[in-house]
Protein backbone atom coordinates (compact mmCIF):
# COMPACT_ATOMS: atom_id res chain seq x y z
CA MET A 1 23.87 69.15 180.29
CA LYS A 2 23.30 69.39 183.90
CA LYS A 3 25.97 71.97 184.23
CA TYR A 4 27.11 73.22 180.74
CA ILE A 5 25.01 74.60 177.84
CA SER A 6 26.95 72.97 174.38
CA PHE A 7 26.21 75.91 172.11
CA LEU A 8 26.11 73.67 169.55
CA LEU A 9 22.73 74.96 169.87
CA VAL A 10 23.95 78.70 168.64
CA ILE A 11 25.94 77.37 166.03
CA GLY A 12 25.04 79.01 162.25
CA LEU A 13 22.12 77.18 161.86
CA PHE A 14 20.90 78.47 158.64
CA SER A 15 22.49 80.12 155.30
CA CYS A 16 21.37 83.91 154.73
CA LYS A 17 18.28 82.73 153.05
CA LYS A 18 17.55 81.59 156.66
CA GLN A 19 16.34 84.24 159.11
CA LEU A 20 17.11 82.42 162.45
CA ALA A 21 20.93 82.69 161.74
CA THR A 22 23.56 83.40 164.23
CA THR A 23 27.75 82.79 164.60
CA PRO A 24 29.39 79.40 166.09
CA THR A 25 30.82 79.93 169.55
CA ASP A 26 32.25 77.50 172.16
CA THR A 27 30.72 75.26 174.68
CA VAL A 28 30.48 77.89 177.81
CA SER A 29 29.41 77.43 181.39
CA PRO A 30 25.77 79.75 182.36
CA SER A 31 27.81 81.34 185.02
CA VAL A 32 29.72 83.14 182.72
CA TYR A 33 27.00 83.50 179.67
CA PHE A 34 23.85 85.28 179.21
CA ASN A 35 25.18 88.44 180.18
CA THR A 36 23.78 90.27 177.12
CA GLU A 37 20.85 90.57 174.79
CA SER A 38 23.15 88.67 172.16
CA ASP A 39 23.59 86.09 174.29
CA LEU A 40 20.22 85.67 175.08
CA ASN A 41 18.93 85.38 171.45
CA ASN A 42 21.73 83.28 170.71
CA ALA A 43 20.45 80.95 173.40
CA LEU A 44 16.64 81.19 172.06
CA THR A 45 18.37 80.05 168.74
CA GLY A 46 19.54 77.06 170.45
CA VAL A 47 15.87 76.34 171.49
CA TYR A 48 14.36 76.58 168.01
CA TYR A 49 17.60 74.65 166.89
CA THR A 50 16.22 71.41 168.58
CA LEU A 51 13.31 71.54 166.57
CA GLY A 52 15.01 70.92 163.24
CA GLU A 53 17.30 68.23 164.24
CA ASN A 54 16.88 64.52 163.06
CA ASP A 55 15.08 63.07 166.13
CA LEU A 56 12.20 65.95 165.59
CA TYR A 57 11.24 67.74 162.30
CA GLY A 58 14.36 66.86 161.03
CA LEU A 59 13.43 63.42 160.25
CA PHE A 60 11.45 61.68 163.06
CA MET A 61 8.19 63.57 161.83
CA PRO A 62 8.65 63.16 158.00
CA LEU A 63 9.39 59.82 158.18
CA TYR A 64 8.32 57.78 161.42
CA ASN A 65 5.80 59.90 162.58
CA ALA A 66 3.62 60.26 159.81
CA TYR A 67 2.36 56.66 159.04
CA ASN A 68 -0.01 54.61 161.02
CA ALA A 69 -2.79 56.92 160.05
CA ASP A 70 -5.47 56.25 156.99
CA ASP A 71 -3.85 58.98 154.43
CA LEU A 72 -0.52 56.81 154.06
CA TYR A 73 0.79 53.56 154.19
CA TRP A 74 4.43 51.93 154.01
CA THR A 75 5.15 50.42 150.47
CA ALA A 76 9.18 50.56 150.62
CA ASN A 77 10.65 47.46 149.43
CA GLY A 78 11.51 44.56 152.10
CA ASN A 79 9.49 43.84 155.02
CA PRO A 80 7.73 46.58 156.52
CA VAL A 81 9.66 48.33 159.64
CA ALA A 82 7.39 47.57 162.74
CA LEU A 83 6.96 51.14 163.27
CA PHE A 84 4.99 51.73 160.53
CA ILE A 85 2.73 49.17 160.88
CA ASN A 86 1.51 49.86 164.61
CA ASN A 87 3.88 46.84 165.91
CA TYR A 88 6.23 49.15 168.07
CA THR A 89 7.93 48.23 171.37
CA PRO A 90 9.24 49.95 174.30
CA THR A 91 13.10 49.00 173.24
CA GLU A 92 12.47 50.84 169.90
CA GLY A 93 15.06 53.48 169.69
CA THR A 94 13.75 55.76 167.56
CA TYR A 95 10.90 56.66 170.29
CA LEU A 96 13.77 57.10 172.66
CA LEU A 97 15.96 59.35 170.84
CA PHE A 98 12.28 61.51 170.20
CA TRP A 99 11.75 61.52 173.72
CA ARG A 100 15.15 62.71 174.70
CA LYS A 101 15.26 65.54 171.91
CA ALA A 102 12.10 67.04 173.30
CA TYR A 103 13.41 67.08 176.55
CA GLU A 104 16.85 68.29 175.30
CA GLY A 105 14.65 71.25 174.26
CA ILE A 106 13.27 71.91 177.48
CA TYR A 107 16.32 71.84 179.17
CA ARG A 108 17.49 74.92 176.89
CA ALA A 109 14.14 76.83 177.56
CA ASN A 110 14.60 76.02 181.37
CA LEU A 111 18.16 77.27 181.08
CA LEU A 112 17.23 80.51 179.20
CA LEU A 113 14.43 81.21 181.16
CA GLU A 114 16.34 81.04 184.26
CA ASN A 115 18.42 83.68 183.10
CA ILE A 116 16.07 85.60 181.26
CA ASN A 117 16.58 88.57 183.52
CA LYS A 118 20.48 88.69 184.00
CA PRO A 119 21.26 91.14 181.07
CA THR A 120 20.57 94.91 181.28
CA MET A 121 18.23 95.46 178.25
CA ASP A 122 14.89 96.85 176.88
CA SER A 123 12.42 95.26 178.66
CA THR A 124 10.06 94.95 175.68
CA ARG A 125 12.71 92.76 173.72
CA ARG A 126 13.49 90.86 177.08
CA ASN A 127 10.07 90.17 177.28
CA VAL A 128 9.81 88.72 173.29
CA ILE A 129 12.87 86.28 174.35
CA LYS A 130 10.75 85.07 177.44
CA GLY A 131 7.55 84.38 175.43
CA GLU A 132 9.24 82.48 172.68
CA ALA A 133 10.71 80.50 175.24
CA LEU A 134 7.73 80.12 177.05
CA PHE A 135 6.06 78.91 174.29
CA LEU A 136 8.43 76.45 172.90
CA ARG A 137 8.96 74.78 175.95
CA GLY A 138 5.04 74.42 176.25
CA TYR A 139 5.58 72.98 172.52
CA PHE A 140 7.82 70.44 173.60
CA TYR A 141 5.47 69.27 176.51
CA TYR A 142 2.98 69.10 173.92
CA LEU A 143 4.65 66.72 171.81
CA LEU A 144 5.35 64.72 174.64
CA ALA A 145 2.13 64.65 175.72
CA THR A 146 -0.03 64.12 172.52
CA HIS A 147 2.56 60.84 171.67
CA PHE A 148 3.59 59.71 175.18
CA GLY A 149 0.68 60.93 177.23
CA GLY A 150 1.68 62.16 180.95
CA VAL A 151 5.61 62.38 181.34
CA PRO A 152 7.82 63.89 184.01
CA MET A 153 7.27 67.75 183.87
CA PRO A 154 10.77 69.46 184.72
CA LEU A 155 10.40 73.19 184.98
CA LYS A 156 13.71 73.91 185.59
CA SER A 157 16.97 73.15 184.24
CA SER A 158 18.74 71.28 187.08
CA PHE A 159 16.64 68.34 185.89
CA ASP A 160 19.29 65.47 184.89
CA ILE A 161 17.36 63.54 181.76
CA ASP A 162 19.91 60.51 182.42
CA ASN A 163 18.91 60.23 186.18
CA PRO A 164 15.71 62.27 186.77
CA GLY A 165 14.26 60.55 189.68
CA MET A 166 10.82 62.04 188.56
CA PRO A 167 7.41 60.46 188.32
CA ARG A 168 4.98 61.09 185.86
CA SER A 169 2.97 64.12 185.87
CA SER A 170 -0.82 63.13 184.87
CA LEU A 171 -1.89 64.26 181.47
CA THR A 172 -4.16 66.87 183.06
CA ALA A 173 -1.58 68.36 184.46
CA VAL A 174 0.86 68.69 181.72
CA TYR A 175 -1.67 69.76 179.13
CA THR A 176 -2.33 72.82 182.23
CA GLN A 177 1.43 73.66 182.28
CA ILE A 178 1.27 73.89 178.22
CA LEU A 179 -1.70 76.25 178.46
CA THR A 180 0.21 78.28 181.08
CA ASP A 181 3.25 78.91 179.29
CA MET A 182 1.39 79.47 175.76
CA THR A 183 -1.04 81.83 177.12
CA ALA A 184 1.82 83.95 178.95
CA ALA A 185 3.74 83.89 175.63
CA ASP A 186 0.50 85.35 173.70
CA SER A 187 1.14 89.14 175.61
CA MET A 188 5.20 88.96 174.72
CA VAL A 189 6.00 87.93 171.47
CA ASN A 190 5.50 89.69 168.38
CA PRO A 191 3.15 90.01 165.62
CA ILE A 192 3.90 88.24 162.37
CA THR A 193 4.12 91.99 160.98
CA ALA A 194 7.53 92.07 162.80
CA PHE A 195 9.01 89.63 160.43
CA ASN A 196 9.22 89.04 157.04
CA TYR A 197 9.71 85.10 157.65
CA ASN A 198 7.64 82.66 159.91
CA GLY A 199 10.41 80.84 161.69
CA HIS A 200 9.96 82.73 164.80
CA ILE A 201 6.95 81.94 166.78
CA THR A 202 4.41 84.88 166.74
CA LYS A 203 1.21 86.44 168.26
CA THR A 204 -1.09 84.37 166.11
CA ALA A 205 0.83 81.20 165.89
CA VAL A 206 0.72 81.13 169.70
CA GLU A 207 -2.72 81.28 169.08
CA GLY A 208 -3.28 79.03 166.36
CA ILE A 209 -1.51 76.14 168.26
CA LEU A 210 -3.50 77.08 171.61
CA ALA A 211 -6.82 76.27 169.15
CA ARG A 212 -4.51 73.18 168.54
CA VAL A 213 -3.94 72.39 172.26
CA ASN A 214 -7.36 72.83 173.08
CA LEU A 215 -8.93 70.71 170.57
CA SER A 216 -6.64 68.04 171.61
CA MET A 217 -8.04 68.04 175.63
CA ALA A 218 -11.55 68.56 174.12
CA GLY A 219 -10.84 64.74 172.63
CA PHE A 220 -9.86 61.82 173.58
CA PRO A 221 -8.50 60.88 176.64
CA LEU A 222 -9.30 63.97 178.47
CA ASN A 223 -12.44 64.73 176.95
CA GLU A 224 -12.68 68.10 178.33
CA THR A 225 -15.78 69.06 175.91
CA ALA A 226 -15.72 72.63 177.51
CA ARG A 227 -12.47 73.25 175.67
CA TYR A 228 -14.16 73.39 172.41
CA LYS A 229 -15.20 77.06 173.22
CA ASP A 230 -11.35 78.02 174.27
CA ALA A 231 -10.36 76.47 170.62
CA LEU A 232 -12.77 78.71 169.05
CA ASN A 233 -11.93 81.80 170.78
CA TRP A 234 -8.24 81.30 170.12
CA ALA A 235 -8.93 80.17 166.17
CA THR A 236 -11.20 83.21 165.68
CA LYS A 237 -8.32 85.55 167.45
CA VAL A 238 -6.21 84.63 164.48
CA TYR A 239 -8.93 85.03 162.20
CA ASN A 240 -10.10 88.32 163.33
CA SER A 241 -6.52 89.42 163.29
CA GLY A 242 -6.46 90.06 159.40
CA LEU A 243 -3.25 89.28 159.40
CA HIS A 244 -3.47 85.80 157.40
CA ALA A 245 -5.06 84.76 153.87
CA LEU A 246 -5.05 81.66 152.52
CA ASN A 247 -2.53 81.40 149.27
CA PRO A 248 -4.86 81.31 146.17
CA ASP A 249 -2.83 78.40 144.68
CA TYR A 250 -2.87 75.39 146.96
CA LYS A 251 -0.16 73.91 144.69
CA GLN A 252 2.08 77.34 145.03
CA VAL A 253 2.25 76.78 149.30
CA PHE A 254 4.43 73.86 148.77
CA ILE A 255 6.38 75.34 145.73
CA ASN A 256 6.94 78.24 147.96
CA LEU A 257 8.37 75.77 150.90
CA MET A 258 10.95 74.35 148.29
CA GLN A 259 12.17 77.38 147.06
CA ASP A 260 12.79 79.26 150.48
CA ILE A 261 10.00 81.63 149.82
CA TYR A 262 8.22 82.94 152.58
CA ASP A 263 4.65 83.01 152.74
CA THR A 264 3.47 84.74 156.17
CA LYS A 265 -0.37 84.84 155.04
CA GLU A 266 -0.71 81.06 154.78
CA ASP A 267 2.17 79.71 156.84
CA LEU A 268 1.77 81.07 160.68
CA TRP A 269 4.76 79.00 161.78
CA GLU A 270 7.29 77.17 160.00
CA VAL A 271 10.41 74.61 161.38
CA GLU A 272 13.06 75.86 159.06
CA PHE A 273 15.84 74.15 157.26
CA GLU A 274 18.58 74.49 155.01
CA VAL A 275 20.54 72.71 152.99
CA GLU A 276 24.14 72.82 151.35
CA ASN A 277 26.14 70.62 149.13
CA ALA A 278 28.47 69.58 152.00
CA PRO A 279 26.20 69.81 155.22
CA THR A 280 28.37 70.32 158.30
CA ALA A 281 27.29 69.01 161.72
CA TYR A 282 26.41 72.32 162.64
CA THR A 283 23.51 72.62 159.58
CA PRO A 284 20.44 71.27 160.40
CA THR A 285 18.72 69.75 157.08
CA GLY A 286 15.73 68.40 156.47
CA ARG A 287 13.99 65.60 154.48
CA TRP A 288 10.90 66.78 153.12
CA GLY A 289 10.66 65.84 149.63
CA ASN A 290 13.47 63.29 150.15
CA VAL A 291 11.59 60.69 152.09
CA ILE A 292 7.96 61.98 151.37
CA GLY A 293 7.80 62.51 147.79
CA ILE A 294 7.93 60.67 143.82
CA THR A 295 10.33 58.36 143.89
CA THR A 296 13.42 59.16 141.33
CA ASN A 297 17.83 58.79 141.54
CA ASP A 298 17.61 61.85 139.20
CA LEU A 299 20.18 64.37 140.82
CA THR A 300 18.67 67.11 138.33
CA VAL A 301 15.09 66.63 139.39
CA GLY A 302 15.86 65.69 143.12
CA VAL A 303 16.60 61.94 144.63
CA CYS A 304 13.53 60.98 146.47
CA SER A 305 13.78 57.60 148.32
CA ASN A 306 10.13 57.76 149.07
CA PHE A 307 8.90 55.16 151.46
CA GLY A 308 5.24 55.64 151.30
CA SER A 309 2.00 56.18 149.04
CA CYS A 310 -1.20 57.96 149.78
CA THR A 311 -3.96 55.15 150.74
CA GLY A 312 -6.85 54.39 148.42
CA LYS A 313 -9.16 56.44 150.90
CA LEU A 314 -7.41 59.37 150.28
CA PHE A 315 -7.66 59.70 146.61
CA LYS A 316 -10.81 58.56 146.59
CA SER A 317 -12.02 60.89 148.99
CA TYR A 318 -11.17 63.60 146.57
CA ALA A 319 -13.88 61.61 144.18
CA ALA A 320 -17.03 63.40 144.53
CA ASP A 321 -15.28 66.67 142.91
CA THR A 322 -12.37 65.55 140.28
CA ASN A 323 -11.57 68.88 140.20
CA ASP A 324 -10.25 69.51 143.52
CA VAL A 325 -6.59 70.36 142.80
CA ARG A 326 -5.07 68.65 145.64
CA MET A 327 -6.04 65.64 144.40
CA ASN A 328 -3.36 65.26 141.59
CA TRP A 329 -0.97 67.06 143.66
CA ASN A 330 -1.28 64.77 146.98
CA CYS A 331 -1.95 62.16 145.36
CA ALA A 332 0.59 62.36 142.79
CA ASN A 333 -0.87 61.67 139.06
CA PHE A 334 2.37 60.78 137.55
CA ASN A 335 5.81 58.38 138.22
CA TYR A 336 9.04 59.76 137.07
CA ALA A 337 10.64 57.25 134.59
CA THR A 338 14.43 57.51 133.60
CA THR A 339 15.65 56.04 129.89
CA ASN A 340 19.13 56.46 128.99
CA ASN A 341 19.85 59.01 131.65
CA VAL A 342 16.74 61.23 130.86
CA THR A 343 13.86 61.69 133.52
CA THR A 344 10.47 61.99 131.83
CA LYS A 345 6.87 62.11 133.84
CA ALA A 346 4.94 59.27 133.06
CA TYR A 347 1.14 60.16 133.60
CA LEU A 348 -1.23 58.21 134.87
CA LYS A 349 -5.45 57.94 134.04
CA TYR A 350 -7.65 58.46 137.03
CA THR A 351 -8.25 54.81 137.28
CA GLN A 352 -4.49 54.10 137.63
CA ASN A 353 -2.58 53.43 140.74
CA GLN A 354 -5.80 54.51 142.95
CA TYR A 355 -4.06 52.68 146.11
CA ASN A 356 -0.39 53.33 145.17
CA ARG A 357 -0.38 57.02 144.50
CA GLN A 358 3.06 58.80 145.27
CA MET A 359 3.00 61.43 147.63
CA GLY A 360 3.39 64.87 145.74
CA LYS A 361 3.41 67.23 148.18
CA TYR A 362 6.44 68.40 148.45
CA ARG A 363 8.18 67.73 145.11
CA ARG A 364 11.72 68.57 144.59
CA GLU A 365 11.69 69.34 141.14
CA TYR A 366 10.71 73.21 141.90
CA GLU A 367 13.91 73.29 144.40
CA LEU A 368 16.43 76.13 143.16
CA THR A 369 19.65 74.90 144.69
CA THR A 370 22.08 73.98 142.26
CA PRO A 371 23.18 71.23 142.28
CA LYS A 372 20.60 69.35 144.36
CA ASN A 373 21.75 67.55 147.72
CA LYS A 374 20.98 64.01 147.32
CA ASN A 375 19.51 63.01 150.75
CA ASN A 376 18.44 66.65 151.97
CA THR A 377 16.29 69.33 151.15
CA PRO A 378 15.85 73.19 151.77
CA CYS A 379 12.03 72.46 152.38
CA ASN A 380 10.82 74.52 155.79
CA PHE A 381 8.00 72.04 157.58
CA PRO A 382 4.90 74.20 158.06
CA VAL A 383 4.12 73.08 161.55
CA LEU A 384 0.50 75.35 161.32
CA ARG A 385 -1.13 77.01 158.23
CA TYR A 386 -3.74 79.36 157.93
CA SER A 387 -6.03 76.34 156.39
CA ASP A 388 -5.57 74.52 159.32
CA VAL A 389 -6.65 77.44 161.68
CA LEU A 390 -10.13 77.52 159.25
CA LEU A 391 -10.70 74.51 159.77
CA MET A 392 -10.29 74.42 163.37
CA LEU A 393 -12.48 77.19 163.79
CA ALA A 394 -15.17 75.26 161.62
CA GLU A 395 -14.66 72.17 164.09
CA ALA A 396 -15.07 74.45 167.52
CA GLU A 397 -17.91 76.70 166.06
CA ASN A 398 -19.90 73.34 165.43
CA GLU A 399 -19.02 71.79 168.54
CA VAL A 400 -19.87 74.82 170.41
CA ASN A 401 -22.86 76.21 168.76
CA GLY A 402 -24.26 73.79 165.99
CA PRO A 403 -24.18 73.49 162.70
CA THR A 404 -23.88 77.17 162.28
CA GLN A 405 -23.82 78.97 158.48
CA LEU A 406 -20.46 80.64 160.06
CA ALA A 407 -18.44 76.74 160.10
CA LEU A 408 -19.99 76.22 156.70
CA ASN A 409 -18.27 79.28 155.44
CA THR A 410 -14.91 78.43 157.10
CA LEU A 411 -15.06 75.23 155.99
CA ASN A 412 -15.88 76.62 152.16
CA LEU A 413 -13.44 79.04 152.28
CA VAL A 414 -10.49 76.07 152.18
CA ARG A 415 -13.00 74.31 149.82
CA SER A 416 -12.62 77.14 147.28
CA ARG A 417 -9.00 77.62 147.32
CA ALA A 418 -8.76 73.98 146.24
CA LYS A 419 -11.18 74.68 143.41
CA ALA A 420 -13.64 71.92 144.80
CA LYS A 421 -17.54 72.53 145.38
CA SER A 422 -18.84 74.07 148.25
CA PHE A 423 -20.71 72.33 150.59
CA SER A 424 -24.43 73.63 151.47
CA TYR A 425 -27.35 72.48 153.95
CA SER A 426 -29.67 73.23 150.99
CA GLY A 427 -30.11 72.98 147.04
CA THR A 428 -27.47 75.67 146.12
CA THR A 429 -26.57 74.74 142.77
CA GLY A 430 -23.15 73.36 142.09
CA ALA A 431 -22.85 72.46 145.72
CA ILE A 432 -22.61 69.36 147.74
CA ILE A 433 -25.77 68.99 149.77
CA ILE A 434 -25.29 67.63 153.37
CA ASN A 435 -27.53 67.60 155.98
CA GLN A 436 -27.84 70.30 158.54
CA ASN A 437 -27.06 68.55 161.75
CA LYS A 438 -23.76 68.85 163.92
CA ASP A 439 -22.77 65.11 163.07
CA SER A 440 -23.24 65.43 159.52
CA LEU A 441 -20.97 68.46 159.72
CA ARG A 442 -18.55 67.06 162.17
CA SER A 443 -17.89 64.17 159.49
CA VAL A 444 -17.72 66.44 156.63
CA ILE A 445 -14.96 68.38 158.75
CA GLN A 446 -12.66 65.70 159.67
CA ASP A 447 -12.75 64.45 155.85
CA GLU A 448 -11.42 68.28 155.05
CA ARG A 449 -8.76 67.65 157.27
CA LEU A 450 -8.03 64.54 155.21
CA ARG A 451 -7.82 66.22 151.84
CA GLU A 452 -6.44 69.17 153.29
CA LEU A 453 -3.27 68.31 155.87
CA CYS A 454 -2.50 64.71 154.83
CA TYR A 455 1.20 63.85 155.36
CA GLU A 456 1.49 66.86 157.64
CA THR A 457 1.67 64.64 160.68
CA GLN A 458 -1.73 65.78 161.94
CA ARG A 459 -4.00 62.81 160.80
CA ARG A 460 -3.20 60.02 163.08
CA LEU A 461 -3.65 62.19 166.47
CA ASP A 462 -6.76 63.93 164.52
CA LEU A 463 -8.46 60.49 164.47
CA ILE A 464 -7.32 59.70 168.47
CA ARG A 465 -9.08 62.60 169.42
CA TRP A 466 -11.88 62.34 167.97
CA GLY A 467 -12.18 59.01 169.24
CA ILE A 468 -12.09 57.14 166.05
CA TYR A 469 -8.89 55.91 165.38
CA LEU A 470 -9.33 52.19 165.67
CA PRO A 471 -12.72 51.98 163.79
CA THR A 472 -11.10 54.10 161.08
CA MET A 473 -7.93 51.86 160.89
CA LYS A 474 -10.10 48.59 160.90
CA ALA A 475 -11.65 50.10 158.02
CA LEU A 476 -8.40 51.26 156.24
CA ALA A 477 -7.50 47.29 156.56
CA LEU A 478 -11.01 45.73 155.30
CA ASP A 479 -10.33 48.48 152.18
CA PHE A 480 -7.33 47.43 151.20
CA LYS A 481 -8.00 43.75 151.61
CA THR A 482 -11.41 44.01 149.41
CA ASN A 483 -10.59 46.54 146.89
CA ALA A 484 -6.96 47.09 146.48
CA PRO A 485 -5.97 45.25 143.24
CA THR A 486 -2.62 43.35 143.82
CA VAL A 487 -1.13 41.93 146.92
CA ALA A 488 1.91 44.41 146.12
CA TYR A 489 -0.31 46.49 148.15
CA GLY A 490 -0.77 44.54 151.52
CA ASN A 491 1.29 46.55 153.88
CA GLY A 492 -1.15 48.82 153.40
CA LYS A 493 -3.69 46.72 155.63
CA LEU A 494 -0.92 45.85 158.12
CA SER A 495 -1.23 49.26 160.16
CA GLY A 496 -4.82 48.74 160.51
CA ASP A 497 -4.58 45.21 161.26
CA ASP A 498 -2.41 45.68 164.19
CA ALA A 499 -3.86 48.65 165.41
CA SER A 500 -5.24 48.30 169.14
CA GLU A 501 -5.54 50.76 172.30
CA ARG A 502 -2.06 50.53 173.12
CA ASN A 503 -1.19 52.39 169.97
CA TYR A 504 -3.18 55.64 171.23
CA PHE A 505 0.46 56.44 172.69
CA TYR A 506 3.89 55.46 172.18
CA PRO A 507 5.51 53.47 174.47
CA ILE A 508 7.35 55.20 177.13
CA PRO A 509 11.19 54.17 176.30
CA GLN A 510 12.44 50.88 178.19
CA TYR A 511 15.76 53.06 178.27
CA GLU A 512 14.43 55.63 180.67
CA ILE A 513 12.44 53.17 182.57
CA ASN A 514 15.60 51.12 183.40
CA LEU A 515 17.12 54.75 184.36
CA ASN A 516 14.11 55.56 186.01
CA PRO A 517 12.24 53.45 188.33
CA LEU A 518 9.31 55.91 189.06
CA LEU A 519 8.48 55.92 185.25
CA THR A 520 5.66 53.94 184.61
CA GLN A 521 4.54 52.25 181.34
CA ASN A 522 1.60 52.97 179.15
CA PRO A 523 -1.06 50.12 178.78
CA GLY A 524 -0.39 47.50 176.68
CA TYR A 525 3.40 47.40 176.22
């Protein structure tokens, strides 16, 4: 990695349906590469490619990173894996692979940025490539910062991951660099209207992620509350752009993902995946719908080895309005049953399986691929949806200006799309009345993020930044112990029982500490 860039990163990453496609090349030296605009675009594709590999969004995010929150829990057969019950250790290889893959993305972005001025080309197109590379470098650092805290922060490709000799930068310094990279990118990248797909970073995607970054900084552990105003500013830019809108049908958002249909109004940014009947080493394939979904071995429906179920808390969070379409979609109201090779849906009554409904958000039955691949799906992952932006806007508006009508109206846009009752400060007919104070609205927004964004890898990070992770997880464990109807759901309490302050961050991988004595371990490991 130190002297050569392997263009496994510019291979045919996606089929003709996927838009970040390019052509395979052999391993080349940077001294003879980066001479044309095409070279830069290929290298940029390589940076994107890192996001889709198994150690990030290809498998780590849907399987390993989705647990240890209050929306889902481990239900697979056998003893629970330590990763899924807040019992991980510094020698756990999964986090090492996540760490190293993020740094691989940073390396690729650094190398591209160092060579960005080599080709003779249109300056505007050059700036677009530079802006996307800057944003992606910032995003890789954001993944590291939110999961590990302060980390080494190389800004040159000369950094060698196997012999770094670089101490951890402070968390504040890492976030400062993230803001620097992403803010610069905002003035360089294209608007979403330049594309008919959303695998590329665009201006509103940058602004939406900047809102997320500032909310992270406003909360625990930095607690820079002035950042709420910045978060409000960035979320408002997306809102005022007029380029995005909620898909009228919540379910269709996820059907579109399974069918390779791009919705640039709803989804601001997706990590792209493709699936082929015989995937090659050069094909990034995803697992959304295969490891998080509705269990079945039926190849026609789409095999799903589901490893988890929704919590009773998530299911019951919809109880105030059973017309909320998200309830039976996210907490599937059926199981698949196969008899004599015929698979049917066995529907559940409202009172059934409230602590063991399967995660129905990503449903393989809607895939258009024939025959379906056993282990992989074409489902892109929506890193940022417009409903998330609206909820961030409502949250930031509440923190900055108190319980305003704007915050409530923005929240209710998400509720309306879900066919759920609106919230109101007064006796509006048919509405759910809440107290008009900042604390009440904050709690309502937090619960709405659970209902809207479950299984999208944000929940654990939300609970941590709000400073309520430990009490939430302890309450979750108590709920399982008190109300779960059978010991078969016992794994549901373990993540909460084992949660402690050390779980705010993952451990720094012991392998990296052994290589680099300048690294220090996170507390509690």
